[in-house]
mmCIF file of all heavy atoms, coordinates in Angstrom:
data_MODEL
# 
_entry.id   MODEL 
# 
loop_
_atom_site.group_PDB 
_atom_site.id 
_atom_site.type_symbol 
_atom_site.label_atom_id 
_atom_site.label_alt_id 
_atom_site.label_comp_id 
_atom_site.label_asym_id 
_atom_site.label_entity_id 
_atom_site.label_seq_id 
_atom_site.pdbx_PDB_ins_code 
_atom_site.Cartn_x 
_atom_site.Cartn_y 
_atom_site.Cartn_z 
_atom_site.occupancy 
_atom_site.B_iso_or_equiv 
_atom_site.pdbx_formal_charge 
_atom_site.auth_seq_id 
_atom_site.auth_comp_id 
_atom_site.auth_asym_id 
_atom_site.auth_atom_id 
_atom_site.pdbx_PDB_model_num 
ATOM 1   N N   . GLY A 1 1  ? -7.257 -3.970 18.798  1.00 0.00 ? 1  GLY A N   1 
ATOM 2   C CA  . GLY A 1 1  ? -7.677 -2.660 18.335  1.00 0.00 ? 1  GLY A CA  1 
ATOM 3   C C   . GLY A 1 1  ? -7.701 -2.608 16.830  1.00 0.00 ? 1  GLY A C   1 
ATOM 4   O O   . GLY A 1 1  ? -7.222 -3.515 16.149  1.00 0.00 ? 1  GLY A O   1 
ATOM 5   N N   . PRO A 1 2  ? -8.236 -1.537 16.310  1.00 0.00 ? 2  PRO A N   1 
ATOM 6   C CA  . PRO A 1 2  ? -8.365 -1.423 14.854  1.00 0.00 ? 2  PRO A CA  1 
ATOM 7   C C   . PRO A 1 2  ? -7.041 -1.108 14.162  1.00 0.00 ? 2  PRO A C   1 
ATOM 8   O O   . PRO A 1 2  ? -6.173 -0.454 14.729  1.00 0.00 ? 2  PRO A O   1 
ATOM 9   C CB  . PRO A 1 2  ? -9.349 -0.267 14.687  1.00 0.00 ? 2  PRO A CB  1 
ATOM 10  C CG  . PRO A 1 2  ? -9.159 0.566  15.907  1.00 0.00 ? 2  PRO A CG  1 
ATOM 11  C CD  . PRO A 1 2  ? -8.819 -0.402 17.015  1.00 0.00 ? 2  PRO A CD  1 
ATOM 12  N N   . ILE A 1 3  ? -6.930 -1.604 12.942  1.00 0.00 ? 3  ILE A N   1 
ATOM 13  C CA  . ILE A 1 3  ? -5.820 -1.289 12.049  1.00 0.00 ? 3  ILE A CA  1 
ATOM 14  C C   . ILE A 1 3  ? -6.447 -0.817 10.750  1.00 0.00 ? 3  ILE A C   1 
ATOM 15  O O   . ILE A 1 3  ? -7.331 -1.466 10.207  1.00 0.00 ? 3  ILE A O   1 
ATOM 16  C CB  . ILE A 1 3  ? -4.936 -2.520 11.773  1.00 0.00 ? 3  ILE A CB  1 
ATOM 17  C CG1 . ILE A 1 3  ? -4.294 -3.020 13.049  1.00 0.00 ? 3  ILE A CG1 1 
ATOM 18  C CG2 . ILE A 1 3  ? -3.880 -2.189 10.734  1.00 0.00 ? 3  ILE A CG2 1 
ATOM 19  C CD1 . ILE A 1 3  ? -3.526 -4.302 12.860  1.00 0.00 ? 3  ILE A CD1 1 
ATOM 20  N N   . SER A 1 4  ? -6.004 0.329  10.274  1.00 0.00 ? 4  SER A N   1 
ATOM 21  C CA  . SER A 1 4  ? -6.509 0.874  9.020   1.00 0.00 ? 4  SER A CA  1 
ATOM 22  C C   . SER A 1 4  ? -5.353 0.948  8.036   1.00 0.00 ? 4  SER A C   1 
ATOM 23  O O   . SER A 1 4  ? -4.329 1.563  8.342   1.00 0.00 ? 4  SER A O   1 
ATOM 24  C CB  . SER A 1 4  ? -7.102 2.258  9.275   1.00 0.00 ? 4  SER A CB  1 
ATOM 25  O OG  . SER A 1 4  ? -7.431 2.877  8.066   1.00 0.00 ? 4  SER A OG  1 
ATOM 26  N N   . CYS A 1 5  ? -5.493 0.315  6.878   1.00 0.00 ? 5  CYS A N   1 
ATOM 27  C CA  . CYS A 1 5  ? -4.416 0.281  5.891   1.00 0.00 ? 5  CYS A CA  1 
ATOM 28  C C   . CYS A 1 5  ? -4.928 0.673  4.514   1.00 0.00 ? 5  CYS A C   1 
ATOM 29  O O   . CYS A 1 5  ? -6.091 0.463  4.186   1.00 0.00 ? 5  CYS A O   1 
ATOM 30  C CB  . CYS A 1 5  ? -3.815 -1.114 5.791   1.00 0.00 ? 5  CYS A CB  1 
ATOM 31  S SG  . CYS A 1 5  ? -3.006 -1.702 7.273   1.00 0.00 ? 5  CYS A SG  1 
ATOM 32  N N   . LYS A 1 6  ? -4.010 1.220  3.718   1.00 0.00 ? 6  LYS A N   1 
ATOM 33  C CA  . LYS A 1 6  ? -4.307 1.570  2.340   1.00 0.00 ? 6  LYS A CA  1 
ATOM 34  C C   . LYS A 1 6  ? -3.096 1.203  1.493   1.00 0.00 ? 6  LYS A C   1 
ATOM 35  O O   . LYS A 1 6  ? -1.961 1.449  1.890   1.00 0.00 ? 6  LYS A O   1 
ATOM 36  C CB  . LYS A 1 6  ? -4.600 3.064  2.227   1.00 0.00 ? 6  LYS A CB  1 
ATOM 37  C CG  . LYS A 1 6  ? -4.949 3.510  0.835   1.00 0.00 ? 6  LYS A CG  1 
ATOM 38  C CD  . LYS A 1 6  ? -5.255 4.987  0.779   1.00 0.00 ? 6  LYS A CD  1 
ATOM 39  C CE  . LYS A 1 6  ? -5.633 5.381  -0.635  1.00 0.00 ? 6  LYS A CE  1 
ATOM 40  N NZ  . LYS A 1 6  ? -6.023 6.778  -0.719  1.00 0.00 ? 6  LYS A NZ  1 
ATOM 41  N N   . MET A 1 7  ? -3.340 0.595  0.324   1.00 0.00 ? 7  MET A N   1 
ATOM 42  C CA  . MET A 1 7  ? -2.272 0.266  -0.615  1.00 0.00 ? 7  MET A CA  1 
ATOM 43  C C   . MET A 1 7  ? -2.644 0.778  -1.985  1.00 0.00 ? 7  MET A C   1 
ATOM 44  O O   . MET A 1 7  ? -3.816 0.809  -2.343  1.00 0.00 ? 7  MET A O   1 
ATOM 45  C CB  . MET A 1 7  ? -2.068 -1.252 -0.719  1.00 0.00 ? 7  MET A CB  1 
ATOM 46  C CG  . MET A 1 7  ? -1.334 -1.868 0.423   1.00 0.00 ? 7  MET A CG  1 
ATOM 47  S SD  . MET A 1 7  ? -1.021 -3.628 0.150   1.00 0.00 ? 7  MET A SD  1 
ATOM 48  C CE  . MET A 1 7  ? 0.409  -3.555 -0.913  1.00 0.00 ? 7  MET A CE  1 
ATOM 49  N N   . SER A 1 8  ? -1.631 1.175  -2.743  1.00 0.00 ? 8  SER A N   1 
ATOM 50  C CA  . SER A 1 8  ? -1.859 1.537  -4.135  1.00 0.00 ? 8  SER A CA  1 
ATOM 51  C C   . SER A 1 8  ? -0.776 0.888  -4.985  1.00 0.00 ? 8  SER A C   1 
ATOM 52  O O   . SER A 1 8  ? 0.343  0.664  -4.528  1.00 0.00 ? 8  SER A O   1 
ATOM 53  C CB  . SER A 1 8  ? -1.873 3.057  -4.312  1.00 0.00 ? 8  SER A CB  1 
ATOM 54  O OG  . SER A 1 8  ? -0.644 3.614  -3.946  1.00 0.00 ? 8  SER A OG  1 
ATOM 55  N N   . PHE A 1 9  ? -1.146 0.570  -6.223  1.00 0.00 ? 9  PHE A N   1 
ATOM 56  C CA  . PHE A 1 9  ? -0.264 -0.099 -7.165  1.00 0.00 ? 9  PHE A CA  1 
ATOM 57  C C   . PHE A 1 9  ? -0.162 0.732  -8.434  1.00 0.00 ? 9  PHE A C   1 
ATOM 58  O O   . PHE A 1 9  ? -1.131 1.360  -8.848  1.00 0.00 ? 9  PHE A O   1 
ATOM 59  C CB  . PHE A 1 9  ? -0.812 -1.491 -7.516  1.00 0.00 ? 9  PHE A CB  1 
ATOM 60  C CG  . PHE A 1 9  ? -0.818 -2.431 -6.358  1.00 0.00 ? 9  PHE A CG  1 
ATOM 61  C CD1 . PHE A 1 9  ? -1.911 -2.500 -5.513  1.00 0.00 ? 9  PHE A CD1 1 
ATOM 62  C CD2 . PHE A 1 9  ? 0.263  -3.246 -6.118  1.00 0.00 ? 9  PHE A CD2 1 
ATOM 63  C CE1 . PHE A 1 9  ? -1.932 -3.370 -4.444  1.00 0.00 ? 9  PHE A CE1 1 
ATOM 64  C CE2 . PHE A 1 9  ? 0.259  -4.121 -5.051  1.00 0.00 ? 9  PHE A CE2 1 
ATOM 65  C CZ  . PHE A 1 9  ? -0.834 -4.185 -4.209  1.00 0.00 ? 9  PHE A CZ  1 
ATOM 66  N N   . ARG A 1 10 ? 1.048  0.715  -9.029  1.00 0.00 ? 10 ARG A N   1 
ATOM 67  C CA  . ARG A 1 10 ? 1.268  1.463  -10.256 1.00 0.00 ? 10 ARG A CA  1 
ATOM 68  C C   . ARG A 1 10 ? 2.232  0.679  -11.144 1.00 0.00 ? 10 ARG A C   1 
ATOM 69  O O   . ARG A 1 10 ? 3.347  0.364  -10.728 1.00 0.00 ? 10 ARG A O   1 
ATOM 70  C CB  . ARG A 1 10 ? 1.859  2.828  -9.919  1.00 0.00 ? 10 ARG A CB  1 
ATOM 71  C CG  . ARG A 1 10 ? 2.077  3.738  -11.116 1.00 0.00 ? 10 ARG A CG  1 
ATOM 72  C CD  . ARG A 1 10 ? 2.576  5.125  -10.693 1.00 0.00 ? 10 ARG A CD  1 
ATOM 73  N NE  . ARG A 1 10 ? 3.634  5.124  -9.704  1.00 0.00 ? 10 ARG A NE  1 
ATOM 74  C CZ  . ARG A 1 10 ? 4.935  4.994  -9.960  1.00 0.00 ? 10 ARG A CZ  1 
ATOM 75  N NH1 . ARG A 1 10 ? 5.349  4.850  -11.197 1.00 0.00 ? 10 ARG A NH1 1 
ATOM 76  N NH2 . ARG A 1 10 ? 5.829  5.020  -8.992  1.00 0.00 ? 10 ARG A NH2 1 
ATOM 77  N N   . PRO A 1 11 ? 1.821  0.330  -12.366 1.00 0.00 ? 11 PRO A N   1 
ATOM 78  C CA  . PRO A 1 11 ? 2.733  -0.366 -13.275 1.00 0.00 ? 11 PRO A CA  1 
ATOM 79  C C   . PRO A 1 11 ? 3.917  0.532  -13.632 1.00 0.00 ? 11 PRO A C   1 
ATOM 80  O O   . PRO A 1 11 ? 3.760  1.739  -13.800 1.00 0.00 ? 11 PRO A O   1 
ATOM 81  C CB  . PRO A 1 11 ? 1.892  -0.649 -14.516 1.00 0.00 ? 11 PRO A CB  1 
ATOM 82  C CG  . PRO A 1 11 ? 0.492  -0.308 -14.177 1.00 0.00 ? 11 PRO A CG  1 
ATOM 83  C CD  . PRO A 1 11 ? 0.510  0.562  -12.974 1.00 0.00 ? 11 PRO A CD  1 
ATOM 84  N N   . ASN A 1 12 ? 5.095  -0.083 -13.743 1.00 0.00 ? 12 ASN A N   1 
ATOM 85  C CA  . ASN A 1 12 ? 6.303  0.654  -14.099 1.00 0.00 ? 12 ASN A CA  1 
ATOM 86  C C   . ASN A 1 12 ? 7.196  -0.299 -14.901 1.00 0.00 ? 12 ASN A C   1 
ATOM 87  O O   . ASN A 1 12 ? 7.992  -1.034 -14.327 1.00 0.00 ? 12 ASN A O   1 
ATOM 88  C CB  . ASN A 1 12 ? 7.011  1.162  -12.848 1.00 0.00 ? 12 ASN A CB  1 
ATOM 89  C CG  . ASN A 1 12 ? 8.233  2.001  -13.184 1.00 0.00 ? 12 ASN A CG  1 
ATOM 90  O OD1 . ASN A 1 12 ? 8.441  2.391  -14.333 1.00 0.00 ? 12 ASN A OD1 1 
ATOM 91  N ND2 . ASN A 1 12 ? 9.040  2.271  -12.182 1.00 0.00 ? 12 ASN A ND2 1 
ATOM 92  N N   . GLY A 1 13 ? 7.033  -0.288 -16.216 1.00 0.00 ? 13 GLY A N   1 
ATOM 93  C CA  . GLY A 1 13 ? 7.806  -1.209 -17.065 1.00 0.00 ? 13 GLY A CA  1 
ATOM 94  C C   . GLY A 1 13 ? 7.430  -2.649 -16.783 1.00 0.00 ? 13 GLY A C   1 
ATOM 95  O O   . GLY A 1 13 ? 6.262  -3.012 -16.823 1.00 0.00 ? 13 GLY A O   1 
ATOM 96  N N   . ASN A 1 14 ? 8.410  -3.477 -16.417 1.00 0.00 ? 14 ASN A N   1 
ATOM 97  C CA  . ASN A 1 14 ? 8.154  -4.893 -16.162 1.00 0.00 ? 14 ASN A CA  1 
ATOM 98  C C   . ASN A 1 14 ? 7.849  -5.192 -14.692 1.00 0.00 ? 14 ASN A C   1 
ATOM 99  O O   . ASN A 1 14 ? 7.840  -6.344 -14.286 1.00 0.00 ? 14 ASN A O   1 
ATOM 100 C CB  . ASN A 1 14 ? 9.337  -5.745 -16.623 1.00 0.00 ? 14 ASN A CB  1 
ATOM 101 C CG  . ASN A 1 14 ? 10.565 -5.519 -15.765 1.00 0.00 ? 14 ASN A CG  1 
ATOM 102 O OD1 . ASN A 1 14 ? 10.701 -4.500 -15.094 1.00 0.00 ? 14 ASN A OD1 1 
ATOM 103 N ND2 . ASN A 1 14 ? 11.471 -6.473 -15.794 1.00 0.00 ? 14 ASN A ND2 1 
ATOM 104 N N   . GLN A 1 15 ? 7.615  -4.162 -13.904 1.00 0.00 ? 15 GLN A N   1 
ATOM 105 C CA  . GLN A 1 15 ? 7.323  -4.381 -12.498 1.00 0.00 ? 15 GLN A CA  1 
ATOM 106 C C   . GLN A 1 15 ? 6.080  -3.618 -12.067 1.00 0.00 ? 15 GLN A C   1 
ATOM 107 O O   . GLN A 1 15 ? 5.600  -2.739 -12.770 1.00 0.00 ? 15 GLN A O   1 
ATOM 108 C CB  . GLN A 1 15 ? 8.512  -3.978 -11.628 1.00 0.00 ? 15 GLN A CB  1 
ATOM 109 C CG  . GLN A 1 15 ? 8.859  -2.497 -11.689 1.00 0.00 ? 15 GLN A CG  1 
ATOM 110 C CD  . GLN A 1 15 ? 10.145 -2.189 -10.953 1.00 0.00 ? 15 GLN A CD  1 
ATOM 111 O OE1 . GLN A 1 15 ? 11.025 -3.034 -10.826 1.00 0.00 ? 15 GLN A OE1 1 
ATOM 112 N NE2 . GLN A 1 15 ? 10.263 -0.973 -10.463 1.00 0.00 ? 15 GLN A NE2 1 
ATOM 113 N N   . LEU A 1 16 ? 5.574  -3.976 -10.899 1.00 0.00 ? 16 LEU A N   1 
ATOM 114 C CA  . LEU A 1 16 ? 4.408  -3.334 -10.322 1.00 0.00 ? 16 LEU A CA  1 
ATOM 115 C C   . LEU A 1 16 ? 4.838  -2.695 -9.004  1.00 0.00 ? 16 LEU A C   1 
ATOM 116 O O   . LEU A 1 16 ? 5.194  -3.401 -8.051  1.00 0.00 ? 16 LEU A O   1 
ATOM 117 C CB  . LEU A 1 16 ? 3.304  -4.375 -10.085 1.00 0.00 ? 16 LEU A CB  1 
ATOM 118 C CG  . LEU A 1 16 ? 1.988  -3.873 -9.546  1.00 0.00 ? 16 LEU A CG  1 
ATOM 119 C CD1 . LEU A 1 16 ? 1.321  -2.929 -10.552 1.00 0.00 ? 16 LEU A CD1 1 
ATOM 120 C CD2 . LEU A 1 16 ? 1.063  -5.055 -9.257  1.00 0.00 ? 16 LEU A CD2 1 
ATOM 121 N N   . ASN A 1 17 ? 4.888  -1.361 -8.987  1.00 0.00 ? 17 ASN A N   1 
ATOM 122 C CA  . ASN A 1 17 ? 5.279  -0.655 -7.766  1.00 0.00 ? 17 ASN A CA  1 
ATOM 123 C C   . ASN A 1 17 ? 4.095  -0.579 -6.814  1.00 0.00 ? 17 ASN A C   1 
ATOM 124 O O   . ASN A 1 17 ? 2.956  -0.420 -7.246  1.00 0.00 ? 17 ASN A O   1 
ATOM 125 C CB  . ASN A 1 17 ? 5.759  0.758  -8.088  1.00 0.00 ? 17 ASN A CB  1 
ATOM 126 C CG  . ASN A 1 17 ? 7.049  0.765  -8.868  1.00 0.00 ? 17 ASN A CG  1 
ATOM 127 O OD1 . ASN A 1 17 ? 7.773  -0.222 -8.915  1.00 0.00 ? 17 ASN A OD1 1 
ATOM 128 N ND2 . ASN A 1 17 ? 7.341  1.881  -9.503  1.00 0.00 ? 17 ASN A ND2 1 
ATOM 129 N N   . TYR A 1 18 ? 4.367  -0.677 -5.523  1.00 0.00 ? 18 TYR A N   1 
ATOM 130 C CA  . TYR A 1 18 ? 3.309  -0.533 -4.530  1.00 0.00 ? 18 TYR A CA  1 
ATOM 131 C C   . TYR A 1 18 ? 3.765  0.380  -3.398  1.00 0.00 ? 18 TYR A C   1 
ATOM 132 O O   . TYR A 1 18 ? 4.954  0.479  -3.098  1.00 0.00 ? 18 TYR A O   1 
ATOM 133 C CB  . TYR A 1 18 ? 2.867  -1.894 -3.965  1.00 0.00 ? 18 TYR A CB  1 
ATOM 134 C CG  . TYR A 1 18 ? 3.927  -2.601 -3.160  1.00 0.00 ? 18 TYR A CG  1 
ATOM 135 C CD1 . TYR A 1 18 ? 4.060  -2.384 -1.784  1.00 0.00 ? 18 TYR A CD1 1 
ATOM 136 C CD2 . TYR A 1 18 ? 4.800  -3.496 -3.757  1.00 0.00 ? 18 TYR A CD2 1 
ATOM 137 C CE1 . TYR A 1 18 ? 5.037  -3.033 -1.041  1.00 0.00 ? 18 TYR A CE1 1 
ATOM 138 C CE2 . TYR A 1 18 ? 5.772  -4.146 -3.025  1.00 0.00 ? 18 TYR A CE2 1 
ATOM 139 C CZ  . TYR A 1 18 ? 5.877  -3.910 -1.669  1.00 0.00 ? 18 TYR A CZ  1 
ATOM 140 O OH  . TYR A 1 18 ? 6.846  -4.547 -0.944  1.00 0.00 ? 18 TYR A OH  1 
ATOM 141 N N   . THR A 1 19 ? 2.826  1.091  -2.835  1.00 0.00 ? 19 THR A N   1 
ATOM 142 C CA  . THR A 1 19 ? 3.048  1.892  -1.628  1.00 0.00 ? 19 THR A CA  1 
ATOM 143 C C   . THR A 1 19 ? 1.875  1.616  -0.702  1.00 0.00 ? 19 THR A C   1 
ATOM 144 O O   . THR A 1 19 ? 0.752  1.390  -1.149  1.00 0.00 ? 19 THR A O   1 
ATOM 145 C CB  . THR A 1 19 ? 3.127  3.403  -1.921  1.00 0.00 ? 19 THR A CB  1 
ATOM 146 O OG1 . THR A 1 19 ? 1.921  3.814  -2.568  1.00 0.00 ? 19 THR A OG1 1 
ATOM 147 C CG2 . THR A 1 19 ? 4.311  3.753  -2.791  1.00 0.00 ? 19 THR A CG2 1 
ATOM 148 N N   . GLY A 1 20 ? 2.159  1.616  0.568   1.00 0.00 ? 20 GLY A N   1 
ATOM 149 C CA  . GLY A 1 20 ? 1.110  1.358  1.537   1.00 0.00 ? 20 GLY A CA  1 
ATOM 150 C C   . GLY A 1 20 ? 1.369  2.083  2.841   1.00 0.00 ? 20 GLY A C   1 
ATOM 151 O O   . GLY A 1 20 ? 2.484  2.515  3.120   1.00 0.00 ? 20 GLY A O   1 
ATOM 152 N N   . ARG A 1 21 ? 0.314  2.219  3.599   1.00 0.00 ? 21 ARG A N   1 
ATOM 153 C CA  . ARG A 1 21 ? 0.413  2.862  4.908   1.00 0.00 ? 21 ARG A CA  1 
ATOM 154 C C   . ARG A 1 21 ? -0.644 2.248  5.804   1.00 0.00 ? 21 ARG A C   1 
ATOM 155 O O   . ARG A 1 21 ? -1.801 2.105  5.418   1.00 0.00 ? 21 ARG A O   1 
ATOM 156 C CB  . ARG A 1 21 ? 0.197  4.362  4.794   1.00 0.00 ? 21 ARG A CB  1 
ATOM 157 C CG  . ARG A 1 21 ? 0.361  5.083  6.109   1.00 0.00 ? 21 ARG A CG  1 
ATOM 158 C CD  . ARG A 1 21 ? 0.791  6.532  5.856   1.00 0.00 ? 21 ARG A CD  1 
ATOM 159 N NE  . ARG A 1 21 ? 1.126  7.195  7.083   1.00 0.00 ? 21 ARG A NE  1 
ATOM 160 C CZ  . ARG A 1 21 ? 2.311  7.137  7.675   1.00 0.00 ? 21 ARG A CZ  1 
ATOM 161 N NH1 . ARG A 1 21 ? 3.282  6.434  7.141   1.00 0.00 ? 21 ARG A NH1 1 
ATOM 162 N NH2 . ARG A 1 21 ? 2.540  7.790  8.785   1.00 0.00 ? 21 ARG A NH2 1 
ATOM 163 N N   . CYS A 1 22 ? -0.233 1.872  6.999   1.00 0.00 ? 22 CYS A N   1 
ATOM 164 C CA  . CYS A 1 22 ? -1.152 1.344  8.002   1.00 0.00 ? 22 CYS A CA  1 
ATOM 165 C C   . CYS A 1 22 ? -1.099 2.231  9.239   1.00 0.00 ? 22 CYS A C   1 
ATOM 166 O O   . CYS A 1 22 ? -0.023 2.649  9.664   1.00 0.00 ? 22 CYS A O   1 
ATOM 167 C CB  . CYS A 1 22 ? -0.779 -0.084 8.399   1.00 0.00 ? 22 CYS A CB  1 
ATOM 168 S SG  . CYS A 1 22 ? -1.027 -1.298 7.099   1.00 0.00 ? 22 CYS A SG  1 
ATOM 169 N N   . ASN A 1 23 ? -2.258 2.524  9.777   1.00 0.00 ? 23 ASN A N   1 
ATOM 170 C CA  . ASN A 1 23 ? -2.363 3.253  11.029  1.00 0.00 ? 23 ASN A CA  1 
ATOM 171 C C   . ASN A 1 23 ? -2.812 2.276  12.101  1.00 0.00 ? 23 ASN A C   1 
ATOM 172 O O   . ASN A 1 23 ? -3.868 1.660  11.990  1.00 0.00 ? 23 ASN A O   1 
ATOM 173 C CB  . ASN A 1 23 ? -3.351 4.414  10.912  1.00 0.00 ? 23 ASN A CB  1 
ATOM 174 C CG  . ASN A 1 23 ? -2.804 5.499  10.018  1.00 0.00 ? 23 ASN A CG  1 
ATOM 175 O OD1 . ASN A 1 23 ? -1.694 5.960  10.206  1.00 0.00 ? 23 ASN A OD1 1 
ATOM 176 N ND2 . ASN A 1 23 ? -3.573 5.879  9.017   1.00 0.00 ? 23 ASN A ND2 1 
ATOM 177 N N   . VAL A 1 24 ? -1.971 2.128  13.105  1.00 0.00 ? 24 VAL A N   1 
ATOM 178 C CA  . VAL A 1 24 ? -2.218 1.191  14.185  1.00 0.00 ? 24 VAL A CA  1 
ATOM 179 C C   . VAL A 1 24 ? -2.494 1.985  15.460  1.00 0.00 ? 24 VAL A C   1 
ATOM 180 O O   . VAL A 1 24 ? -1.733 2.897  15.793  1.00 0.00 ? 24 VAL A O   1 
ATOM 181 C CB  . VAL A 1 24 ? -1.006 0.255  14.387  1.00 0.00 ? 24 VAL A CB  1 
ATOM 182 C CG1 . VAL A 1 24 ? -1.264 -0.748 15.488  1.00 0.00 ? 24 VAL A CG1 1 
ATOM 183 C CG2 . VAL A 1 24 ? -0.642 -0.434 13.084  1.00 0.00 ? 24 VAL A CG2 1 
ATOM 184 N N   . GLN A 1 25 ? -3.561 1.611  16.129  1.00 0.00 ? 25 GLN A N   1 
ATOM 185 C CA  . GLN A 1 25 ? -3.932 2.297  17.366  1.00 0.00 ? 25 GLN A CA  1 
ATOM 186 C C   . GLN A 1 25 ? -2.740 2.311  18.321  1.00 0.00 ? 25 GLN A C   1 
ATOM 187 O O   . GLN A 1 25 ? -2.079 1.300  18.525  1.00 0.00 ? 25 GLN A O   1 
ATOM 188 C CB  . GLN A 1 25 ? -5.113 1.573  18.002  1.00 0.00 ? 25 GLN A CB  1 
ATOM 189 C CG  . GLN A 1 25 ? -5.656 2.248  19.224  1.00 0.00 ? 25 GLN A CG  1 
ATOM 190 C CD  . GLN A 1 25 ? -6.907 1.528  19.724  1.00 0.00 ? 25 GLN A CD  1 
ATOM 191 O OE1 . GLN A 1 25 ? -7.672 0.983  18.951  1.00 0.00 ? 25 GLN A OE1 1 
ATOM 192 N NE2 . GLN A 1 25 ? -7.088 1.533  21.019  1.00 0.00 ? 25 GLN A NE2 1 
# 
């Protein structure tokens, strides 16, 4: 079945923060 995912990245000092969400049937 389909999987729909989204990720976003945001620089924060010396690191790269990420958040994501996947919707699984």
